[in-house]
């Protein structure tokens, strides 16, 4: 075997990579989030967002169901149309180039 092919691992290396680094990233992220939320302009922005969200008229369950159904049906229709275009244009390309499948 080549020199350096063996890796000597210790428990300290495993703990560093497995626990210490993620916990450090979590702590720094929590500190940064706390600091950002306590900036007065950002706090005012969050308060205004909450006030605007209270003004929103949310759809009923039936309206949400119908709107979701329309979106799903339109997605399937567009998929079918694009699939048809792809097959047609592929057939035309193969016919022009003379490369049949």
N, C-alpha and C. Protein backbone atom coordinates (compact mmCIF):
# COMPACT_ATOMS: atom_id res chain seq x y z
N UNK A 1 0.83 -1.18 0.00
CA UNK A 1 0.00 0.00 0.00
C UNK A 1 0.88 1.25 0.00
N UNK A 2 0.32 2.30 -0.51
CA UNK A 2 1.05 3.55 -0.57
C UNK A 2 1.12 4.20 0.80
N UNK A 3 2.11 5.02 0.96
CA UNK A 3 2.26 5.73 2.22
C UNK A 3 1.12 6.73 2.34
N UNK A 4 0.54 6.80 3.49
CA UNK A 4 -0.57 7.72 3.71
C UNK A 4 -1.92 7.10 3.41
N UNK A 5 -1.94 5.84 3.01
CA UNK A 5 -3.21 5.20 2.72
C UNK A 5 -3.96 4.85 4.00
N UNK A 6 -3.23 4.73 5.09
CA UNK A 6 -3.85 4.41 6.36
C UNK A 6 -4.19 5.69 7.08
N UNK A 7 -5.36 5.73 7.64
CA UNK A 7 -5.79 6.91 8.38
C UNK A 7 -5.86 6.55 9.86
N UNK A 8 -5.15 7.28 10.65
CA UNK A 8 -5.20 7.07 12.09
C UNK A 8 -6.25 8.01 12.64
N UNK A 9 -7.28 7.45 13.23
CA UNK A 9 -8.40 8.23 13.73
C UNK A 9 -8.43 8.13 15.25
N UNK A 10 -8.80 9.20 15.86
CA UNK A 10 -8.93 9.18 17.31
C UNK A 10 -10.35 9.60 17.67
N UNK A 11 -10.69 9.36 18.89
CA UNK A 11 -12.03 9.73 19.37
C UNK A 11 -12.21 11.24 19.33
N UNK A 12 -11.14 11.99 19.53
CA UNK A 12 -11.24 13.45 19.51
C UNK A 12 -11.62 13.94 18.11
N UNK A 13 -11.06 13.33 17.07
CA UNK A 13 -11.41 13.71 15.70
C UNK A 13 -12.88 13.42 15.42
N UNK A 14 -13.36 12.26 15.86
CA UNK A 14 -14.76 11.89 15.64
C UNK A 14 -15.70 12.84 16.36
N UNK A 15 -15.39 13.18 17.61
CA UNK A 15 -16.23 14.09 18.37
C UNK A 15 -16.23 15.48 17.78
N UNK A 16 -15.08 15.91 17.28
CA UNK A 16 -14.98 17.25 16.69
C UNK A 16 -15.89 17.35 15.47
N UNK A 17 -15.81 16.39 14.60
CA UNK A 17 -16.61 16.45 13.39
C UNK A 17 -18.08 16.14 13.61
N UNK A 18 -18.37 15.32 14.58
CA UNK A 18 -19.73 14.86 14.77
C UNK A 18 -20.55 15.76 15.69
N UNK A 19 -19.93 16.36 16.69
CA UNK A 19 -20.70 17.10 17.68
C UNK A 19 -20.29 18.57 17.80
N UNK A 20 -19.01 18.84 17.86
CA UNK A 20 -18.56 20.19 18.19
C UNK A 20 -18.83 21.16 17.05
N UNK A 21 -18.52 20.79 15.82
CA UNK A 21 -18.72 21.70 14.69
C UNK A 21 -20.20 22.02 14.50
N UNK A 22 -21.12 21.04 14.45
CA UNK A 22 -22.53 21.39 14.30
C UNK A 22 -23.08 22.22 15.45
N UNK A 23 -22.66 21.92 16.67
CA UNK A 23 -23.12 22.71 17.81
C UNK A 23 -22.60 24.14 17.75
N UNK A 24 -21.38 24.32 17.27
CA UNK A 24 -20.83 25.66 17.11
C UNK A 24 -21.61 26.44 16.06
N UNK A 25 -21.91 25.80 14.93
CA UNK A 25 -22.69 26.45 13.88
C UNK A 25 -24.07 26.82 14.41
N UNK A 26 -24.70 25.93 15.17
CA UNK A 26 -26.01 26.20 15.75
C UNK A 26 -25.95 27.37 16.72
N UNK A 27 -24.94 27.42 17.56
CA UNK A 27 -24.82 28.50 18.53
C UNK A 27 -24.59 29.85 17.83
N UNK A 28 -23.73 29.88 16.83
CA UNK A 28 -23.48 31.12 16.10
C UNK A 28 -24.75 31.56 15.36
N UNK A 29 -25.48 30.62 14.76
CA UNK A 29 -26.72 30.95 14.07
C UNK A 29 -27.78 31.48 15.02
N UNK A 30 -27.91 30.88 16.19
CA UNK A 30 -28.88 31.35 17.18
C UNK A 30 -28.52 32.74 17.67
N UNK A 31 -27.24 32.97 17.92
CA UNK A 31 -26.80 34.30 18.35
C UNK A 31 -27.07 35.34 17.27
N UNK A 32 -26.77 35.01 16.00
CA UNK A 32 -26.99 35.95 14.90
C UNK A 32 -28.48 36.24 14.74
N UNK A 33 -29.33 35.22 14.84
CA UNK A 33 -30.77 35.43 14.72
C UNK A 33 -31.28 36.31 15.84
N UNK A 34 -30.78 36.09 17.06
CA UNK A 34 -31.19 36.93 18.20
C UNK A 34 -30.78 38.37 17.98
N UNK A 35 -29.56 38.57 17.49
CA UNK A 35 -29.09 39.95 17.25
C UNK A 35 -29.87 40.64 16.15
N UNK A 36 -30.19 39.91 15.07
CA UNK A 36 -30.92 40.51 13.96
C UNK A 36 -32.33 40.90 14.38
N UNK A 37 -33.00 40.04 15.15
CA UNK A 37 -34.37 40.33 15.58
C UNK A 37 -34.41 41.54 16.50
N UNK A 38 -33.35 41.79 17.23
CA UNK A 38 -33.33 42.91 18.16
C UNK A 38 -32.89 44.23 17.53
N UNK A 39 -32.63 44.25 16.24
CA UNK A 39 -32.37 45.52 15.56
C UNK A 39 -33.72 46.23 15.45
N UNK A 40 -33.83 47.48 15.88
CA UNK A 40 -35.14 48.15 15.92
C UNK A 40 -35.87 48.18 14.57
N UNK A 41 -35.18 48.47 13.49
CA UNK A 41 -35.85 48.53 12.20
C UNK A 41 -36.39 47.17 11.80
N UNK A 42 -35.64 46.12 12.06
CA UNK A 42 -36.09 44.77 11.72
C UNK A 42 -37.25 44.35 12.60
N UNK A 43 -37.21 44.71 13.88
CA UNK A 43 -38.31 44.38 14.78
C UNK A 43 -39.58 45.09 14.35
N UNK A 44 -39.48 46.35 13.93
CA UNK A 44 -40.65 47.08 13.43
C UNK A 44 -41.19 46.43 12.16
N UNK A 45 -40.30 45.95 11.31
CA UNK A 45 -40.72 45.26 10.10
C UNK A 45 -41.51 44.00 10.45
N UNK A 46 -41.02 43.20 11.41
CA UNK A 46 -41.72 41.99 11.80
C UNK A 46 -43.09 42.31 12.40
N UNK A 47 -43.18 43.38 13.17
CA UNK A 47 -44.47 43.77 13.75
C UNK A 47 -45.44 44.17 12.65
N UNK A 48 -44.96 44.93 11.65
CA UNK A 48 -45.84 45.34 10.56
C UNK A 48 -46.27 44.14 9.71
N UNK A 49 -45.38 43.17 9.53
CA UNK A 49 -45.75 41.95 8.80
C UNK A 49 -46.84 41.20 9.55
N UNK A 50 -46.70 41.11 10.86
CA UNK A 50 -47.73 40.43 11.65
C UNK A 50 -49.07 41.15 11.55
N UNK A 51 -49.06 42.47 11.57
CA UNK A 51 -50.30 43.24 11.44
C UNK A 51 -50.94 43.02 10.07
N UNK A 52 -50.14 42.97 9.02
CA UNK A 52 -50.69 42.75 7.68
C UNK A 52 -51.23 41.33 7.54
N UNK A 53 -50.58 40.34 8.16
CA UNK A 53 -51.06 38.96 8.08
C UNK A 53 -52.41 38.82 8.77
N UNK A 54 -52.67 39.64 9.80
CA UNK A 54 -53.97 39.60 10.46
C UNK A 54 -55.07 40.15 9.58
N UNK A 55 -54.73 40.97 8.58
CA UNK A 55 -55.72 41.57 7.68
C UNK A 55 -56.07 40.65 6.51
N UNK A 56 -55.30 39.60 6.29
CA UNK A 56 -55.51 38.72 5.15
C UNK A 56 -56.78 37.91 5.35
N UNK A 57 -57.58 37.80 4.27
CA UNK A 57 -58.76 36.93 4.34
C UNK A 57 -58.37 35.58 3.76
N UNK A 58 -58.29 34.60 4.62
CA UNK A 58 -57.84 33.27 4.23
C UNK A 58 -59.00 32.51 3.59
N UNK A 59 -58.73 31.67 2.58
CA UNK A 59 -59.81 30.93 1.93
C UNK A 59 -60.36 29.84 2.84
N UNK A 60 -61.62 29.47 2.55
CA UNK A 60 -62.21 28.37 3.31
C UNK A 60 -61.62 27.05 2.81
N UNK A 61 -61.93 25.99 3.51
CA UNK A 61 -61.40 24.68 3.12
C UNK A 61 -61.89 24.28 1.73
N UNK A 62 -63.15 24.57 1.42
CA UNK A 62 -63.68 24.24 0.10
C UNK A 62 -63.01 25.03 -1.01
N UNK A 63 -62.81 26.32 -0.78
CA UNK A 63 -62.12 27.15 -1.78
C UNK A 63 -60.70 26.68 -2.00
N UNK A 64 -60.04 26.33 -0.93
CA UNK A 64 -58.66 25.85 -1.03
C UNK A 64 -58.61 24.53 -1.81
N UNK A 65 -59.57 23.65 -1.56
CA UNK A 65 -59.63 22.37 -2.27
C UNK A 65 -59.85 22.60 -3.77
N UNK A 66 -60.81 23.47 -4.13
CA UNK A 66 -61.10 23.73 -5.55
C UNK A 66 -59.92 24.38 -6.25
N UNK A 67 -59.27 25.34 -5.60
CA UNK A 67 -58.13 26.02 -6.21
C UNK A 67 -56.97 25.04 -6.40
N UNK A 68 -56.73 24.18 -5.43
CA UNK A 68 -55.66 23.19 -5.55
C UNK A 68 -55.96 22.21 -6.68
N UNK A 69 -57.22 21.81 -6.80
CA UNK A 69 -57.61 20.89 -7.86
C UNK A 69 -57.39 21.52 -9.24
N UNK A 70 -57.72 22.80 -9.37
CA UNK A 70 -57.50 23.49 -10.64
C UNK A 70 -56.01 23.52 -10.98
N UNK A 71 -55.17 23.81 -10.01
CA UNK A 71 -53.73 23.87 -10.25
C UNK A 71 -53.21 22.49 -10.68
N UNK A 72 -53.63 21.45 -10.00
CA UNK A 72 -53.15 20.11 -10.33
C UNK A 72 -53.60 19.70 -11.73
N UNK A 73 -54.85 19.99 -12.08
CA UNK A 73 -55.36 19.64 -13.41
C UNK A 73 -54.60 20.40 -14.49
N UNK A 74 -54.36 21.69 -14.27
CA UNK A 74 -53.63 22.49 -15.26
C UNK A 74 -52.20 21.96 -15.42
N UNK A 75 -51.57 21.57 -14.35
CA UNK A 75 -50.21 21.02 -14.44
C UNK A 75 -50.20 19.75 -15.28
N UNK A 76 -51.17 18.86 -15.06
CA UNK A 76 -51.23 17.64 -15.87
C UNK A 76 -51.51 17.94 -17.33
N UNK A 77 -52.39 18.91 -17.60
CA UNK A 77 -52.67 19.28 -19.00
C UNK A 77 -51.43 19.84 -19.68
N UNK A 78 -50.73 20.74 -19.00
CA UNK A 78 -49.51 21.30 -19.59
C UNK A 78 -48.44 20.23 -19.79
N UNK A 79 -48.37 19.28 -18.87
CA UNK A 79 -47.43 18.18 -19.03
C UNK A 79 -47.76 17.37 -20.27
N UNK A 80 -49.04 17.08 -20.46
CA UNK A 80 -49.46 16.31 -21.64
C UNK A 80 -49.17 17.08 -22.92
N UNK A 81 -49.42 18.39 -22.92
CA UNK A 81 -49.15 19.20 -24.11
C UNK A 81 -47.66 19.21 -24.43
N UNK A 82 -46.82 19.44 -23.42
CA UNK A 82 -45.38 19.46 -23.65
C UNK A 82 -44.86 18.10 -24.09
N UNK A 83 -45.40 17.03 -23.54
CA UNK A 83 -45.01 15.68 -23.95
C UNK A 83 -45.35 15.45 -25.42
N UNK A 84 -46.54 15.90 -25.82
CA UNK A 84 -46.96 15.76 -27.22
C UNK A 84 -46.05 16.56 -28.14
N UNK A 85 -45.75 17.80 -27.75
CA UNK A 85 -44.81 18.62 -28.54
C UNK A 85 -43.46 17.93 -28.68
N UNK A 86 -42.97 17.38 -27.58
CA UNK A 86 -41.67 16.72 -27.60
C UNK A 86 -41.67 15.53 -28.55
N UNK A 87 -42.70 14.70 -28.47
CA UNK A 87 -42.77 13.55 -29.36
C UNK A 87 -42.88 13.98 -30.82
N UNK A 88 -43.72 14.99 -31.07
CA UNK A 88 -43.92 15.45 -32.45
C UNK A 88 -42.64 16.05 -33.02
N UNK A 89 -42.00 16.93 -32.27
CA UNK A 89 -40.78 17.56 -32.77
C UNK A 89 -39.65 16.54 -32.90
N UNK A 90 -39.60 15.56 -32.01
CA UNK A 90 -38.60 14.51 -32.14
C UNK A 90 -38.83 13.68 -33.39
N UNK A 91 -40.10 13.36 -33.67
CA UNK A 91 -40.42 12.60 -34.88
C UNK A 91 -40.04 13.40 -36.13
N UNK A 92 -40.36 14.71 -36.13
CA UNK A 92 -40.02 15.57 -37.28
C UNK A 92 -38.51 15.65 -37.45
N UNK A 93 -37.77 15.81 -36.36
CA UNK A 93 -36.31 15.87 -36.43
C UNK A 93 -35.74 14.58 -37.01
N UNK A 94 -36.22 13.45 -36.52
CA UNK A 94 -35.75 12.16 -37.03
C UNK A 94 -36.13 11.97 -38.50
N UNK A 95 -37.28 12.43 -38.92
CA UNK A 95 -37.72 12.31 -40.30
C UNK A 95 -36.83 13.15 -41.23
N UNK A 96 -36.50 14.39 -40.74
CA UNK A 96 -35.66 15.28 -41.55
C UNK A 96 -34.24 14.74 -41.64
N UNK A 97 -33.69 14.29 -40.53
CA UNK A 97 -32.31 13.79 -40.53
C UNK A 97 -32.21 12.37 -41.06
N UNK A 98 -33.33 11.69 -41.18
CA UNK A 98 -33.31 10.33 -41.70
C UNK A 98 -32.80 9.32 -40.71
N UNK A 99 -32.90 9.62 -39.42
CA UNK A 99 -32.46 8.67 -38.39
C UNK A 99 -33.70 8.12 -37.70
N UNK A 100 -34.16 7.01 -38.15
CA UNK A 100 -35.34 6.39 -37.55
C UNK A 100 -34.99 5.63 -36.30
N UNK A 101 -35.96 5.53 -35.43
CA UNK A 101 -35.73 4.81 -34.16
C UNK A 101 -35.80 3.34 -34.35
